[in-house]
Amino acid sequence: MNMRRKKINVIGLGYIGLPTALMFAKSGVQVIGTDYNKDLVDSLKEGRLTFKEEGLERLFKEALSNEIEFTTEYQKTDTYIIS
């Protein structure tokens, strides 16, 4: 039996996509967040949020501790969420 964790690729890391990706990652799902905006992705990789929202910073820290990834490159995953 294959026990690998399923991966979700959240495409679009704006006001809807980023919190969605963070919630999945906080819950232990393996998440790759993808956006074409290199500056946005670089900021997230450096641990800096790109906008403010109540509770988002705590959620971001929890997602980072669960190894969420951010990229500008297409990723092959089990599930895709386009936001």
N, C-alpha and C. Protein backbone atom coordinates (compact mmCIF):
# COMPACT_ATOMS: atom_id res chain seq x y z
N MET A 1 0.84 -1.18 0.00
CA MET A 1 0.00 0.00 0.00
C MET A 1 0.88 1.25 0.00
N ASN A 2 0.58 2.20 -0.87
CA ASN A 2 1.34 3.44 -0.99
C ASN A 2 0.86 4.43 0.07
N MET A 3 1.76 4.84 0.96
CA MET A 3 1.38 5.72 2.07
C MET A 3 1.90 7.15 1.91
N ARG A 4 2.32 7.52 0.70
CA ARG A 4 2.83 8.88 0.54
C ARG A 4 1.70 9.89 0.72
N ARG A 5 2.09 11.06 1.21
CA ARG A 5 1.10 12.12 1.39
C ARG A 5 0.71 12.69 0.04
N LYS A 6 -0.55 13.01 -0.10
CA LYS A 6 -1.05 13.66 -1.32
C LYS A 6 -0.57 15.11 -1.33
N LYS A 7 -0.28 15.61 -2.53
CA LYS A 7 0.14 17.00 -2.70
C LYS A 7 -0.98 17.80 -3.34
N ILE A 8 -1.14 19.02 -2.85
CA ILE A 8 -2.07 19.98 -3.44
C ILE A 8 -1.27 21.15 -3.97
N ASN A 9 -1.60 21.58 -5.18
CA ASN A 9 -0.99 22.77 -5.77
C ASN A 9 -2.06 23.85 -5.80
N VAL A 10 -1.85 24.90 -5.01
CA VAL A 10 -2.75 26.05 -5.04
C VAL A 10 -2.13 27.06 -5.99
N ILE A 11 -2.85 27.34 -7.07
CA ILE A 11 -2.35 28.23 -8.11
C ILE A 11 -3.02 29.59 -7.95
N GLY A 12 -2.21 30.59 -7.71
CA GLY A 12 -2.70 31.94 -7.44
C GLY A 12 -2.63 32.19 -5.95
N LEU A 13 -1.72 33.05 -5.52
CA LEU A 13 -1.47 33.26 -4.10
C LEU A 13 -1.88 34.66 -3.66
N GLY A 14 -3.07 35.06 -4.08
CA GLY A 14 -3.61 36.36 -3.68
C GLY A 14 -4.47 36.22 -2.42
N TYR A 15 -5.49 37.07 -2.33
CA TYR A 15 -6.33 37.15 -1.14
C TYR A 15 -7.15 35.89 -0.88
N ILE A 16 -7.39 35.08 -1.88
CA ILE A 16 -8.11 33.82 -1.72
C ILE A 16 -7.14 32.64 -1.69
N GLY A 17 -6.23 32.59 -2.63
CA GLY A 17 -5.34 31.45 -2.77
C GLY A 17 -4.36 31.27 -1.63
N LEU A 18 -3.74 32.35 -1.16
CA LEU A 18 -2.75 32.21 -0.09
C LEU A 18 -3.38 31.68 1.20
N PRO A 19 -4.47 32.28 1.71
CA PRO A 19 -5.07 31.72 2.93
C PRO A 19 -5.53 30.27 2.74
N THR A 20 -6.01 29.95 1.55
CA THR A 20 -6.43 28.57 1.28
C THR A 20 -5.24 27.63 1.38
N ALA A 21 -4.13 27.99 0.74
CA ALA A 21 -2.92 27.17 0.79
C ALA A 21 -2.43 27.02 2.23
N LEU A 22 -2.45 28.11 2.97
CA LEU A 22 -1.97 28.08 4.36
C LEU A 22 -2.85 27.19 5.23
N MET A 23 -4.15 27.23 5.03
CA MET A 23 -5.06 26.38 5.83
C MET A 23 -4.79 24.90 5.56
N PHE A 24 -4.62 24.53 4.30
CA PHE A 24 -4.32 23.14 3.98
C PHE A 24 -2.99 22.73 4.62
N ALA A 25 -1.96 23.58 4.48
CA ALA A 25 -0.65 23.25 5.03
C ALA A 25 -0.69 23.14 6.55
N LYS A 26 -1.40 24.05 7.19
CA LYS A 26 -1.53 24.01 8.65
C LYS A 26 -2.14 22.70 9.11
N SER A 27 -3.03 22.15 8.29
CA SER A 27 -3.72 20.91 8.62
C SER A 27 -2.89 19.67 8.29
N GLY A 28 -1.68 19.86 7.80
CA GLY A 28 -0.79 18.74 7.54
C GLY A 28 -0.76 18.24 6.11
N VAL A 29 -1.49 18.90 5.22
CA VAL A 29 -1.48 18.53 3.81
C VAL A 29 -0.21 19.08 3.19
N GLN A 30 0.41 18.34 2.29
CA GLN A 30 1.60 18.81 1.59
C GLN A 30 1.15 19.78 0.50
N VAL A 31 1.57 21.04 0.61
CA VAL A 31 1.07 22.10 -0.28
C VAL A 31 2.22 22.77 -1.02
N ILE A 32 1.99 23.00 -2.30
CA ILE A 32 2.87 23.83 -3.11
C ILE A 32 2.02 25.00 -3.61
N GLY A 33 2.41 26.21 -3.25
CA GLY A 33 1.73 27.41 -3.71
C GLY A 33 2.45 27.94 -4.94
N THR A 34 1.70 28.18 -6.01
CA THR A 34 2.28 28.63 -7.27
C THR A 34 1.68 29.96 -7.69
N ASP A 35 2.54 30.87 -8.13
CA ASP A 35 2.07 32.15 -8.66
C ASP A 35 3.09 32.62 -9.69
N TYR A 36 2.63 33.31 -10.72
CA TYR A 36 3.53 33.80 -11.76
C TYR A 36 4.33 35.02 -11.30
N ASN A 37 3.90 35.66 -10.21
CA ASN A 37 4.55 36.86 -9.69
C ASN A 37 5.79 36.48 -8.88
N LYS A 38 6.97 36.62 -9.48
CA LYS A 38 8.22 36.21 -8.84
C LYS A 38 8.48 36.98 -7.55
N ASP A 39 8.18 38.27 -7.51
CA ASP A 39 8.41 39.07 -6.30
C ASP A 39 7.55 38.55 -5.15
N LEU A 40 6.30 38.20 -5.43
CA LEU A 40 5.40 37.66 -4.41
C LEU A 40 5.95 36.33 -3.90
N VAL A 41 6.33 35.44 -4.79
CA VAL A 41 6.86 34.13 -4.41
C VAL A 41 8.15 34.29 -3.61
N ASP A 42 9.04 35.16 -4.05
CA ASP A 42 10.29 35.39 -3.31
C ASP A 42 10.01 35.90 -1.91
N SER A 43 9.06 36.80 -1.77
CA SER A 43 8.69 37.33 -0.46
C SER A 43 8.20 36.21 0.46
N LEU A 44 7.33 35.36 -0.05
CA LEU A 44 6.81 34.24 0.75
C LEU A 44 7.92 33.26 1.12
N LYS A 45 8.82 33.00 0.19
CA LYS A 45 9.95 32.10 0.48
C LYS A 45 10.84 32.66 1.58
N GLU A 46 10.91 33.99 1.66
CA GLU A 46 11.73 34.66 2.68
C GLU A 46 10.98 34.80 4.00
N GLY A 47 9.75 34.30 4.05
CA GLY A 47 8.98 34.35 5.28
C GLY A 47 8.22 35.64 5.51
N ARG A 48 7.99 36.40 4.43
CA ARG A 48 7.27 37.67 4.54
C ARG A 48 5.94 37.58 3.81
N LEU A 49 4.88 37.93 4.51
CA LEU A 49 3.56 37.97 3.89
C LEU A 49 3.45 39.16 2.95
N THR A 50 2.55 39.06 2.00
CA THR A 50 2.39 40.12 0.99
C THR A 50 1.18 41.00 1.25
N PHE A 51 0.37 40.65 2.24
CA PHE A 51 -0.75 41.50 2.65
C PHE A 51 -1.12 41.14 4.09
N LYS A 52 -1.88 42.01 4.72
CA LYS A 52 -2.27 41.81 6.12
C LYS A 52 -3.72 41.36 6.20
N GLU A 53 -3.96 40.43 7.10
CA GLU A 53 -5.31 39.96 7.39
C GLU A 53 -5.26 39.37 8.80
N GLU A 54 -6.28 39.59 9.57
CA GLU A 54 -6.29 39.11 10.95
C GLU A 54 -6.04 37.60 11.01
N GLY A 55 -5.06 37.20 11.79
CA GLY A 55 -4.74 35.79 11.99
C GLY A 55 -3.86 35.18 10.91
N LEU A 56 -3.58 35.93 9.85
CA LEU A 56 -2.82 35.37 8.73
C LEU A 56 -1.37 35.09 9.09
N GLU A 57 -0.76 35.96 9.89
CA GLU A 57 0.64 35.77 10.26
C GLU A 57 0.83 34.47 11.06
N ARG A 58 -0.05 34.21 12.01
CA ARG A 58 0.02 32.97 12.80
C ARG A 58 -0.16 31.76 11.89
N LEU A 59 -1.14 31.85 11.01
CA LEU A 59 -1.41 30.76 10.06
C LEU A 59 -0.20 30.53 9.15
N PHE A 60 0.44 31.61 8.70
CA PHE A 60 1.62 31.53 7.85
C PHE A 60 2.75 30.79 8.57
N LYS A 61 2.99 31.14 9.83
CA LYS A 61 4.04 30.48 10.61
C LYS A 61 3.76 28.99 10.78
N GLU A 62 2.51 28.64 11.03
CA GLU A 62 2.15 27.23 11.18
C GLU A 62 2.34 26.48 9.86
N ALA A 63 1.97 27.11 8.75
CA ALA A 63 2.13 26.48 7.44
C ALA A 63 3.61 26.30 7.11
N LEU A 64 4.43 27.30 7.44
CA LEU A 64 5.87 27.19 7.20
C LEU A 64 6.47 26.04 8.00
N SER A 65 5.99 25.84 9.22
CA SER A 65 6.52 24.74 10.03
C SER A 65 6.10 23.38 9.47
N ASN A 66 5.07 23.36 8.64
CA ASN A 66 4.64 22.12 7.98
C ASN A 66 5.19 22.02 6.56
N GLU A 67 6.19 22.86 6.27
CA GLU A 67 6.97 22.78 5.03
C GLU A 67 6.19 23.11 3.75
N ILE A 68 5.31 24.12 3.82
CA ILE A 68 4.67 24.60 2.59
C ILE A 68 5.77 25.11 1.67
N GLU A 69 5.57 24.94 0.38
CA GLU A 69 6.53 25.40 -0.63
C GLU A 69 5.88 26.47 -1.50
N PHE A 70 6.71 27.36 -2.04
CA PHE A 70 6.23 28.40 -2.95
C PHE A 70 7.10 28.40 -4.19
N THR A 71 6.49 28.57 -5.36
CA THR A 71 7.23 28.52 -6.61
C THR A 71 6.50 29.30 -7.71
N THR A 72 7.24 29.63 -8.76
CA THR A 72 6.65 30.21 -9.96
C THR A 72 6.54 29.16 -11.07
N GLU A 73 7.04 27.97 -10.82
CA GLU A 73 7.10 26.91 -11.82
C GLU A 73 5.92 25.95 -11.71
N TYR A 74 5.47 25.44 -12.85
CA TYR A 74 4.41 24.44 -12.87
C TYR A 74 4.82 23.23 -12.04
N GLN A 75 3.91 22.68 -11.27
CA GLN A 75 4.17 21.52 -10.44
C GLN A 75 3.18 20.42 -10.74
N LYS A 76 3.65 19.20 -10.79
CA LYS A 76 2.75 18.06 -10.96
C LYS A 76 2.37 17.58 -9.56
N THR A 77 1.07 17.63 -9.26
CA THR A 77 0.57 17.22 -7.96
C THR A 77 -0.68 16.37 -8.14
N ASP A 78 -1.22 15.91 -7.02
CA ASP A 78 -2.43 15.08 -7.05
C ASP A 78 -3.69 15.92 -7.28
N THR A 79 -3.70 17.12 -6.73
CA THR A 79 -4.88 17.98 -6.77
C THR A 79 -4.44 19.41 -7.07
N TYR A 80 -5.29 20.13 -7.81
CA TYR A 80 -5.03 21.53 -8.14
C TYR A 80 -6.21 22.39 -7.70
N ILE A 81 -5.89 23.52 -7.10
CA ILE A 81 -6.91 24.51 -6.77
C ILE A 81 -6.48 25.81 -7.45
N ILE A 82 -7.32 26.30 -8.32
CA ILE A 82 -7.01 27.54 -9.05
C ILE A 82 -7.81 28.68 -8.42
N SER A 83 -7.09 29.69 -7.97
CA SER A 83 -7.78 30.81 -7.31
C SER A 83 -7.30 32.14 -7.86
